[in-house]
């Protein structure tokens, strides 16, 4: 099948290509600029209050704004999602003392100003990062209400478009709002009907669709009928219309931090960093997991004893439930939880197989399970039943963040690809928990776990821990 892409050439005599501003982009960078200026002023006033010198109040705000521009912290590609925005702010904070020292040696020789500028790094970062986080959360709330999102056109084969639509809809706050699709295989348009998205034609209709619907972003998926020349023409069309042009990689679920452009002979090759799976790379995580879990056990000792007493009084049986689970590299360990079921729950399981909510995979979950006790139902909804797993974290069998701990019977049924989950320790929380827990289809739960294994970083762990609180409050999938 040969695909021809129409392209409306740029009229050089009439001027530049059309420029189309993104809805959320109009004021967001201005707000960030003002916020950074105010943060610098507040930080400078704190230093003035401590040392009584005014020079830092006059110098710090413009210098900080200039450093933020130099480190491209207002670039649209770094804003809205991901951790790159925060990295650029931190790099700017590292540059501030160096720049101040250079100015001191070359021009001012004012030791007091140098001292004050260096001391201002801590408050300017300590205030600036939370302010940027708060502004980002506000932007996400706007996106969740359907405001300020960029209308996107998906281009590619029906099957891959369908999969991408599902991922985008499950992915939380998103800048992109899919307005329609152009298929490289229009004969399969019937597959898209269940999504509620309009099929606007084939690839050859791209130019007309972008113009008619005020599309802000064109997202192209790999397709057998699209070669390099077709993609080049589509990028020209997007550029002429002033819209973003995005290519979905053939290899999905890779974090942006693992990707880098590496030119070879004039060809831009995408380099994919290997996952951080070595013990040395994960040593900081190991130390943080065990120390934080130990601190939480000490802090929660009394509440844990109270919960254990309530469990014993509510129904006969021990307070703790012990079960064999599979850890890193397939090693078995005993996992602890507060008991939430009747003592004969395993004997009754065969009678409830027909009620399994996860019939598409290996998990066994039943909503309104009759084996669950009264207190157990509350403990599950609030996730308090999982607190004893802090003991497993301290003992080194689990991490605070990681894939769901699997049963030995489940692991025996895993295909080779899914066994990759066992390259890291299972977690008390993880992407599976903050994304819906038991409500997730099996394939989606596996995709999240494998994505975590390959893309792990300390910043990802921190993000998941921050999201865990809201996930527990919502109680989605907790049964």
Protein backbone atom coordinates (compact mmCIF):
# COMPACT_ATOMS: atom_id res chain seq x y z
CA UNK A 1 0.00 0.00 0.00
CA UNK A 2 1.50 3.33 -1.07
CA UNK A 3 0.66 6.34 1.07
CA UNK A 4 0.89 9.84 -0.35
CA UNK A 5 0.99 12.78 1.99
CA UNK A 6 -0.26 16.10 0.69
CA UNK A 7 1.73 19.11 1.78
CA UNK A 8 0.86 22.74 1.39
CA UNK A 9 4.23 24.47 0.76
CA UNK A 10 5.16 27.62 2.59
CA UNK A 11 4.65 30.74 0.54
CA UNK A 12 8.01 32.46 0.92
CA UNK A 13 6.75 35.72 -0.54
CA UNK A 14 3.90 35.96 1.99
CA UNK A 15 6.08 35.45 5.06
CA UNK A 16 6.78 32.82 7.69
CA UNK A 17 4.82 29.65 8.42
CA UNK A 18 1.73 29.85 10.59
CA UNK A 19 2.41 29.90 14.34
CA UNK A 20 -0.13 28.41 16.70
CA UNK A 21 0.23 28.98 20.44
CA UNK A 22 -0.75 26.21 22.83
CA UNK A 23 -3.75 26.93 25.10
CA UNK A 24 -1.96 26.39 28.42
CA UNK A 25 1.23 27.99 27.15
CA UNK A 26 -0.20 31.50 26.91
CA UNK A 27 0.16 32.51 30.52
CA UNK A 28 1.94 29.66 32.26
CA UNK A 29 5.49 30.73 31.45
CA UNK A 30 4.65 34.30 32.40
CA UNK A 31 3.34 33.08 35.76
CA UNK A 32 6.52 31.05 36.27
CA UNK A 33 8.66 34.08 35.45
CA UNK A 34 6.81 36.26 37.95
CA UNK A 35 6.89 33.49 40.56
CA UNK A 36 10.65 33.03 40.20
CA UNK A 37 11.14 36.77 40.59
CA UNK A 38 9.03 36.85 43.77
CA UNK A 39 10.81 33.77 45.13
CA UNK A 40 14.16 35.48 44.61
CA UNK A 41 12.90 38.61 46.34
CA UNK A 42 11.66 36.62 49.35
CA UNK A 43 14.94 34.68 49.54
CA UNK A 44 16.92 37.92 49.35
CA UNK A 45 14.81 39.51 52.10
CA UNK A 46 15.47 36.49 54.31
CA UNK A 47 19.21 36.93 53.79
CA UNK A 48 18.87 40.67 54.46
CA UNK A 49 17.01 39.92 57.67
CA UNK A 50 19.81 37.62 58.78
CA UNK A 51 22.79 39.84 57.85
CA UNK A 52 21.34 43.32 57.42
CA UNK A 53 22.71 44.02 53.92
CA UNK A 54 20.55 45.36 51.07
CA UNK A 55 22.77 44.64 48.07
CA UNK A 56 21.53 41.05 47.77
CA UNK A 57 17.92 42.28 47.48
CA UNK A 58 18.86 44.31 44.39
CA UNK A 59 21.15 41.75 42.78
CA UNK A 60 19.60 38.33 43.41
CA UNK A 61 16.22 38.66 41.56
CA UNK A 62 17.61 39.67 38.13
CA UNK A 63 20.54 37.24 38.44
CA UNK A 64 18.23 34.35 39.37
CA UNK A 65 15.88 35.09 36.45
CA UNK A 66 18.87 35.26 34.08
CA UNK A 67 20.16 31.90 35.37
CA UNK A 68 16.72 30.32 34.89
CA UNK A 69 16.69 31.58 31.30
CA UNK A 70 20.24 30.33 30.74
CA UNK A 71 19.29 26.85 31.99
CA UNK A 72 16.13 26.90 29.84
CA UNK A 73 13.79 26.34 32.76
CA UNK A 74 11.02 28.15 30.83
CA UNK A 75 11.28 25.96 27.74
CA UNK A 76 7.93 24.43 26.92
CA UNK A 77 9.42 20.96 26.56
CA UNK A 78 10.47 20.92 30.23
CA UNK A 79 7.18 22.18 31.66
CA UNK A 80 4.01 20.41 32.72
CA UNK A 81 5.21 16.80 33.11
CA UNK A 82 8.34 14.92 34.14
CA UNK A 83 11.25 15.92 36.34
CA UNK A 84 13.37 17.83 33.84
CA UNK A 85 11.98 21.20 35.00
CA UNK A 86 13.15 20.57 38.57
CA UNK A 87 16.56 19.35 37.37
CA UNK A 88 17.08 22.60 35.49
CA UNK A 89 16.18 24.64 38.57
CA UNK A 90 18.68 22.64 40.64
CA UNK A 91 21.38 23.09 37.99
CA UNK A 92 20.70 26.81 38.12
CA UNK A 93 21.08 26.75 41.89
CA UNK A 94 24.47 25.08 41.50
CA UNK A 95 25.50 27.73 38.97
CA UNK A 96 24.52 30.65 41.24
CA UNK A 97 27.49 30.37 43.66
CA UNK A 98 29.90 29.77 40.77
CA UNK A 99 28.65 32.83 38.92
CA UNK A 100 28.81 34.93 42.09
CA UNK A 101 32.39 33.83 42.73
CA UNK A 102 33.39 34.70 39.15
CA UNK A 103 31.87 38.17 39.44
CA UNK A 104 33.62 38.66 42.79
CA UNK A 105 37.07 37.80 41.45
CA UNK A 106 36.70 39.70 38.19
CA UNK A 107 34.75 42.81 39.17
CA UNK A 108 33.36 43.63 42.60
CA UNK A 109 35.69 42.13 45.23
CA UNK A 110 32.72 42.56 47.60
CA UNK A 111 33.06 39.64 50.04
CA UNK A 112 29.77 40.46 51.78
CA UNK A 113 27.79 40.28 48.54
CA UNK A 114 29.50 37.02 47.58
CA UNK A 115 28.63 35.56 50.98
CA UNK A 116 25.00 36.67 50.74
CA UNK A 117 24.55 35.32 47.21
CA UNK A 118 25.92 31.94 48.24
CA UNK A 119 23.73 31.83 51.35
CA UNK A 120 20.67 32.68 49.21
CA UNK A 121 20.92 29.37 47.33
CA UNK A 122 19.15 27.41 50.07
CA UNK A 123 16.05 29.62 50.43
CA UNK A 124 15.72 30.29 46.71
CA UNK A 125 15.65 26.54 45.99
CA UNK A 126 13.71 25.63 49.13
CA UNK A 127 10.95 28.06 48.18
CA UNK A 128 11.25 27.89 44.39
CA UNK A 129 10.78 24.15 43.93
CA UNK A 130 7.58 23.91 46.03
CA UNK A 131 6.19 26.96 44.22
CA UNK A 132 6.83 25.35 40.84
CA UNK A 133 5.29 22.10 42.08
CA UNK A 134 2.18 23.98 43.25
CA UNK A 135 1.86 25.77 39.90
CA UNK A 136 2.21 22.44 38.09
CA UNK A 137 -0.52 20.89 40.25
CA UNK A 138 -2.75 23.84 39.38
CA UNK A 139 -2.03 23.24 35.68
CA UNK A 140 -2.88 19.55 36.08
CA UNK A 141 -6.19 20.43 37.72
CA UNK A 142 -6.99 22.62 34.73
CA UNK A 143 -6.17 19.76 32.38
CA UNK A 144 -8.33 17.39 34.46
CA UNK A 145 -11.25 19.78 33.96
CA UNK A 146 -10.60 19.78 30.22
CA UNK A 147 -9.24 23.34 30.17
CA UNK A 148 -6.10 24.45 28.35
CA UNK A 149 -5.35 21.10 26.76
CA UNK A 150 -3.83 20.78 23.30
CA UNK A 151 -6.09 19.12 20.67
CA UNK A 152 -4.12 16.19 19.27
CA UNK A 153 -4.44 14.21 16.05
CA UNK A 154 -3.24 10.59 16.15
CA UNK A 155 -1.86 9.16 12.91
CA UNK A 156 -1.08 5.48 12.41
CA UNK A 157 -2.55 1.97 12.23
CA UNK A 158 -5.86 1.32 14.02
CA UNK A 159 -4.53 -1.28 16.45
CA UNK A 160 -1.66 0.89 17.71
CA UNK A 161 -3.87 3.99 17.86
CA UNK A 162 -6.34 2.05 19.99
CA UNK A 163 -3.59 1.02 22.41
CA UNK A 164 -2.20 4.55 22.68
CA UNK A 165 -5.65 6.01 23.35
CA UNK A 166 -6.07 3.56 26.23
CA UNK A 167 -2.70 4.49 27.71
CA UNK A 168 -3.40 8.22 27.46
CA UNK A 169 -6.80 7.87 29.09
CA UNK A 170 -5.35 5.90 32.01
CA UNK A 171 -2.32 8.14 32.42
CA UNK A 172 -3.80 10.84 34.69
CA UNK A 173 -3.16 14.50 33.91
CA UNK A 174 -2.43 14.92 30.22
CA UNK A 175 -1.70 17.93 28.07
CA UNK A 176 -2.97 16.13 24.97
CA UNK A 177 -6.68 15.85 24.28
CA UNK A 178 -7.21 13.47 21.38
CA UNK A 179 -9.53 15.17 18.88
CA UNK A 180 -9.49 12.48 16.23
CA UNK A 181 -7.44 10.00 14.25
CA UNK A 182 -6.14 9.61 10.72
CA UNK A 183 -5.51 5.96 9.92
CA UNK A 184 -2.78 4.47 7.80
CA UNK A 185 -5.14 1.50 7.40
CA UNK A 186 -8.58 3.12 6.94
CA UNK A 187 -10.09 -0.30 6.21
CA UNK A 188 -9.77 -1.03 9.96
CA UNK A 189 -11.67 2.08 11.07
CA UNK A 190 -14.30 -0.10 12.78
CA UNK A 191 -11.76 -0.89 15.54
CA UNK A 192 -11.78 2.77 16.64
CA UNK A 193 -15.54 3.19 16.97
CA UNK A 194 -15.65 1.98 20.57
CA UNK A 195 -13.36 4.81 21.69
CA UNK A 196 -15.80 7.57 20.77
CA UNK A 197 -13.13 9.26 18.65
CA UNK A 198 -13.88 10.31 15.07
CA UNK A 199 -11.91 8.74 12.24
CA UNK A 200 -11.14 11.79 10.12
CA UNK A 201 -9.65 10.05 7.13
CA UNK A 202 -6.35 8.59 6.04
CA UNK A 203 -2.81 9.90 6.14
CA UNK A 204 -3.36 11.84 2.92
CA UNK A 205 -5.98 13.96 4.74
CA UNK A 206 -3.54 15.17 7.40
CA UNK A 207 -3.09 18.71 6.11
CA UNK A 208 -6.81 19.41 5.76
CA UNK A 209 -7.66 17.93 9.17
CA UNK A 210 -4.99 19.94 11.00
CA UNK A 211 -6.28 23.15 9.46
CA UNK A 212 -10.00 22.41 9.95
CA UNK A 213 -9.82 21.34 13.63
CA UNK A 214 -7.16 23.77 14.92
CA UNK A 215 -5.00 20.82 15.94
CA UNK A 216 -2.14 21.72 18.29
CA UNK A 217 -0.19 18.45 18.15
CA UNK A 218 0.23 15.69 15.58
CA UNK A 219 1.22 12.32 17.08
CA UNK A 220 2.47 9.73 14.57
CA UNK A 221 2.75 6.03 15.39
CA UNK A 222 4.97 3.59 13.46
CA UNK A 223 3.17 1.96 10.51
CA UNK A 224 4.34 -0.44 7.79
CA UNK A 225 3.21 1.98 5.06
CA UNK A 226 5.04 5.03 6.42
CA UNK A 227 8.65 5.43 5.35
CA UNK A 228 11.16 8.18 6.10
CA UNK A 229 9.99 10.41 3.24
CA UNK A 230 6.38 10.20 4.43
CA UNK A 231 7.36 11.19 7.97
CA UNK A 232 9.47 14.05 6.63
CA UNK A 233 6.53 15.43 4.62
CA UNK A 234 4.24 15.15 7.63
CA UNK A 235 6.74 17.06 9.76
CA UNK A 236 6.84 19.77 7.08
CA UNK A 237 3.05 19.94 7.13
CA UNK A 238 3.04 20.28 10.93
CA UNK A 239 5.73 22.97 10.77
CA UNK A 240 3.82 24.91 8.13
CA UNK A 241 0.72 24.81 10.33
CA UNK A 242 2.70 25.77 13.45
CA UNK A 243 1.84 22.62 15.41
CA UNK A 244 3.94 20.16 17.41
CA UNK A 245 5.04 16.97 15.66
CA UNK A 246 5.59 13.94 17.90
CA UNK A 247 6.77 10.46 16.98
CA UNK A 248 5.83 7.50 19.17
CA UNK A 249 8.89 5.22 19.54
CA UNK A 250 8.61 1.63 18.43
CA UNK A 251 9.91 0.59 21.86
CA UNK A 252 7.44 2.01 24.37
CA UNK A 253 7.43 2.51 28.17
CA UNK A 254 10.86 4.16 28.23
CA UNK A 255 11.40 7.19 30.44
CA UNK A 256 12.73 10.33 28.78
CA UNK A 257 15.77 10.25 31.09
CA UNK A 258 16.98 7.07 29.35
CA UNK A 259 16.82 8.57 25.87
CA UNK A 260 19.53 10.63 24.20
CA UNK A 261 20.28 11.65 20.63
CA UNK A 262 23.59 10.29 19.37
CA UNK A 263 24.48 11.42 15.80
CA UNK A 264 26.41 9.02 13.60
CA UNK A 265 27.39 10.06 10.08
CA UNK A 266 24.78 12.79 10.10
CA UNK A 267 22.02 10.37 11.17
CA UNK A 268 20.43 11.18 14.59
CA UNK A 269 20.32 7.85 16.43
CA UNK A 270 18.37 7.42 19.66
CA UNK A 271 20.49 5.93 22.42
CA UNK A 272 18.63 4.03 25.15
CA UNK A 273 20.38 3.84 28.52
CA UNK A 274 20.43 0.41 30.16
CA UNK A 275 18.14 0.02 33.21
CA UNK A 276 19.73 0.62 36.63
CA UNK A 277 19.59 -2.94 37.98
CA UNK A 278 22.99 -3.40 39.64
CA UNK A 279 23.31 -3.55 43.43
CA UNK A 280 25.67 -0.57 43.43
CA UNK A 281 23.20 1.62 41.52
CA UNK A 282 20.42 0.71 43.96
CA UNK A 283 22.45 1.08 47.17
CA UNK A 284 21.01 4.55 47.97
CA UNK A 285 17.49 3.12 47.54
CA UNK A 286 18.35 0.20 49.84
CA UNK A 287 19.64 2.49 52.58
CA UNK A 288 16.69 4.86 52.29
CA UNK A 289 14.16 2.02 52.28
CA UNK A 290 15.46 0.35 55.43
CA UNK A 291 16.10 3.53 57.42
CA UNK A 292 12.73 5.07 56.55
CA UNK A 293 10.87 1.80 57.25
CA UNK A 294 12.58 1.48 60.64
CA UNK A 295 11.66 5.07 61.51
CA UNK A 296 8.04 4.46 60.50
CA UNK A 297 7.86 1.30 62.62
CA UNK A 298 9.04 3.24 65.68
CA UNK A 299 6.63 6.08 64.96
CA UNK A 300 3.66 3.77 64.35
CA UNK A 301 4.39 1.22 67.07
CA UNK A 302 1.39 2.15 69.23
CA UNK A 303 -1.14 2.35 66.34
CA UNK A 304 0.12 -1.03 65.08
CA UNK A 305 -0.46 -2.60 68.49
CA UNK A 306 -3.97 -1.12 68.64
CA UNK A 307 -4.83 -2.48 65.17
CA UNK A 308 -3.49 -5.91 66.13
CA UNK A 309 -5.68 -5.93 69.25
CA UNK A 310 -8.78 -4.90 67.29
CA UNK A 311 -8.15 -7.66 64.71
CA UNK A 312 -7.92 -10.27 67.48
CA UNK A 313 -11.10 -9.03 69.16
CA UNK A 314 -13.08 -8.86 65.90
CA UNK A 315 -12.66 -12.50 64.87
CA UNK A 316 -10.83 -15.65 65.98
CA UNK A 317 -7.33 -16.15 64.66
CA UNK A 318 -3.92 -14.44 64.78
CA UNK A 319 -3.51 -10.70 64.24
CA UNK A 320 -0.86 -11.14 61.56
CA UNK A 321 -1.33 -13.03 58.31
CA UNK A 322 1.80 -14.73 57.02
CA UNK A 323 2.11 -15.82 53.41
CA UNK A 324 4.90 -16.98 51.12
CA UNK A 325 5.68 -14.47 48.39
CA UNK A 326 8.36 -14.26 45.71
CA UNK A 327 11.02 -11.59 45.99
CA UNK A 328 13.98 -10.49 43.91
CA UNK A 329 15.58 -13.15 41.72
CA UNK A 330 12.76 -15.56 42.60
CA UNK A 331 13.73 -15.94 46.28
CA UNK A 332 10.81 -16.79 48.57
CA UNK A 333 10.11 -14.89 51.77
CA UNK A 334 7.34 -14.65 54.37
CA UNK A 335 5.26 -11.52 53.90
CA UNK A 336 3.37 -9.99 56.85
CA UNK A 337 -0.03 -8.32 56.77
CA UNK A 338 -2.79 -7.72 59.27
CA UNK A 339 -5.29 -10.55 58.92
CA UNK A 340 -8.41 -9.34 57.11
CA UNK A 341 -10.13 -12.69 56.41
CA UNK A 342 -11.63 -15.58 58.28
CA UNK A 343 -9.17 -18.34 59.26
CA UNK A 344 -10.79 -20.76 56.75
CA UNK A 345 -10.49 -18.32 53.81
CA UNK A 346 -8.20 -20.56 51.72
CA UNK A 347 -10.61 -23.49 52.02
CA UNK A 348 -13.46 -21.30 50.72
CA UNK A 349 -11.50 -19.91 47.76
CA UNK A 350 -12.55 -22.67 45.36
CA UNK A 351 -16.20 -21.72 45.89
CA UNK A 352 -15.52 -18.11 44.76
CA UNK A 353 -13.54 -18.70 41.59
CA UNK A 354 -16.51 -17.66 39.43
CA UNK A 355 -16.51 -14.22 41.13
CA UNK A 356 -12.88 -13.43 40.33
CA UNK A 357 -12.55 -9.83 39.08
CA UNK A 358 -9.26 -10.62 37.33
CA UNK A 359 -10.31 -13.45 35.06
CA UNK A 360 -8.04 -11.99 32.34
CA UNK A 361 -4.86 -12.79 34.27
CA UNK A 362 -3.32 -14.64 37.21
CA UNK A 363 -4.61 -12.52 40.10
CA UNK A 364 -7.50 -13.58 42.32
CA UNK A 365 -9.59 -10.64 43.54
CA UNK A 366 -13.27 -10.61 44.52
CA UNK A 367 -15.26 -7.48 45.27
CA UNK A 368 -17.33 -7.81 48.45
CA UNK A 369 -15.49 -11.02 49.29
CA UNK A 370 -17.60 -12.86 51.95
CA UNK A 371 -14.41 -14.13 53.61
CA UNK A 372 -13.38 -10.63 54.69
CA UNK A 373 -14.13 -9.66 58.29
CA UNK A 374 -15.74 -6.39 59.38
CA UNK A 375 -12.47 -4.89 60.56
CA UNK A 376 -10.68 -6.43 57.58
CA UNK A 377 -12.90 -4.53 55.15
CA UNK A 378 -11.91 -1.22 56.76
CA UNK A 379 -8.24 -2.18 56.88
CA UNK A 380 -8.25 -3.02 53.17
CA UNK A 381 -10.02 0.17 52.10
CA UNK A 382 -7.55 2.26 54.11
CA UNK A 383 -4.52 0.05 53.20
CA UNK A 384 -3.69 -0.24 56.91
CA UNK A 385 -3.50 -4.02 56.53
CA UNK A 386 -0.21 -3.56 54.62
CA UNK A 387 1.65 -1.66 57.36
CA UNK A 388 3.31 -4.82 58.80
CA UNK A 389 5.15 -5.11 55.47
CA UNK A 390 7.45 -2.43 56.90
CA UNK A 391 9.01 -5.38 58.75
CA UNK A 392 9.74 -6.99 55.39
CA UNK A 393 11.34 -3.76 54.18
CA UNK A 394 13.59 -3.56 57.26
CA UNK A 395 14.60 -7.21 56.79
CA UNK A 396 15.51 -6.53 53.16
CA UNK A 397 12.87 -8.71 51.52
CA UNK A 398 10.87 -5.79 50.12
CA UNK A 399 11.24 -2.13 49.18
CA UNK A 400 8.98 0.80 49.93
CA UNK A 401 8.35 1.10 46.17
CA UNK A 402 8.36 -1.75 43.67
CA UNK A 403 6.20 -4.26 41.79
CA UNK A 404 3.39 -6.10 43.55
CA UNK A 405 4.72 -9.07 45.60
CA UNK A 406 3.68 -12.22 43.72
CA UNK A 407 2.52 -15.58 44.97
CA UNK A 408 4.67 -18.61 44.06
CA UNK A 409 1.76 -20.15 42.12
CA UNK A 410 1.48 -16.98 40.05
CA UNK A 411 5.20 -16.91 39.26
CA UNK A 412 5.08 -20.48 38.00
CA UNK A 413 2.62 -19.33 35.33
CA UNK A 414 4.60 -16.25 34.30
CA UNK A 415 5.88 -16.14 30.72
CA UNK A 416 9.58 -15.20 30.37
CA UNK A 417 8.86 -11.50 29.75
CA UNK A 418 6.78 -11.11 32.92
CA UNK A 419 9.50 -12.76 35.03
CA UNK A 420 11.51 -9.57 34.49
CA UNK A 421 9.47 -8.20 37.41
CA UNK A 422 11.64 -10.36 39.65
CA UNK A 423 14.82 -8.39 38.89
CA UNK A 424 13.91 -5.93 41.67
CA UNK A 425 12.42 -6.27 45.12
CA UNK A 426 8.62 -6.12 45.41
CA UNK A 427 7.23 -2.99 46.99
CA UNK A 428 4.83 -1.93 49.70
CA UNK A 429 3.51 0.53 47.14
CA UNK A 430 4.15 0.99 43.43
CA UNK A 431 2.79 2.12 40.10
CA UNK A 432 0.18 -0.64 40.34
CA UNK A 433 -1.20 0.84 43.57
CA UNK A 434 -1.29 4.50 42.57
CA UNK A 435 -2.87 3.59 39.21
CA UNK A 436 -5.87 1.60 40.38
CA UNK A 437 -4.65 -1.59 42.09
CA UNK A 438 -7.14 -4.45 41.72
CA UNK A 439 -9.24 -2.52 39.17
CA UNK A 440 -6.39 -2.70 36.64
CA UNK A 441 -6.52 -5.30 33.87
CA UNK A 442 -3.77 -7.89 34.17
CA UNK A 443 -1.95 -6.70 31.04
CA UNK A 444 -1.92 -3.12 32.31
CA UNK A 445 -0.61 -4.16 35.73
CA UNK A 446 2.21 -6.10 34.03
CA UNK A 447 3.02 -3.14 31.77
CA UNK A 448 3.31 -0.83 34.78
CA UNK A 449 5.52 -3.24 36.70
CA UNK A 450 7.87 -3.82 33.76
CA UNK A 451 7.99 -0.09 33.10
CA UNK A 452 9.02 0.49 36.71
CA UNK A 453 11.78 -2.14 36.50
CA UNK A 454 13.28 -0.59 33.36
CA UNK A 455 12.83 3.08 34.27
CA UNK A 456 13.58 3.06 37.99
CA UNK A 457 15.11 6.17 39.54
CA UNK A 458 15.05 7.80 42.96
CA UNK A 459 12.88 10.58 41.55
CA UNK A 460 10.37 7.99 40.26
CA UNK A 461 10.24 6.40 43.74
CA UNK A 462 9.65 9.81 45.30
CA UNK A 463 6.86 10.56 42.83
CA UNK A 464 5.13 7.25 43.59
CA UNK A 465 5.42 7.80 47.35
CA UNK A 466 3.87 11.26 46.98
CA UNK A 467 1.01 9.79 44.91
CA UNK A 468 0.41 6.94 47.35
CA UNK A 469 -1.31 9.18 49.92
CA UNK A 470 -4.00 10.34 47.50
CA UNK A 471 -4.41 6.79 46.15
CA UNK A 472 -5.04 5.48 49.66
CA UNK A 473 -7.57 8.25 50.36
CA UNK A 474 -9.44 7.45 47.12
CA UNK A 475 -9.37 3.75 47.86
CA UNK A 476 -9.62 2.88 44.16
CA UNK A 477 -9.22 -0.86 43.62
CA UNK A 478 -8.75 -1.55 47.35
CA UNK A 479 -10.80 -4.67 48.12
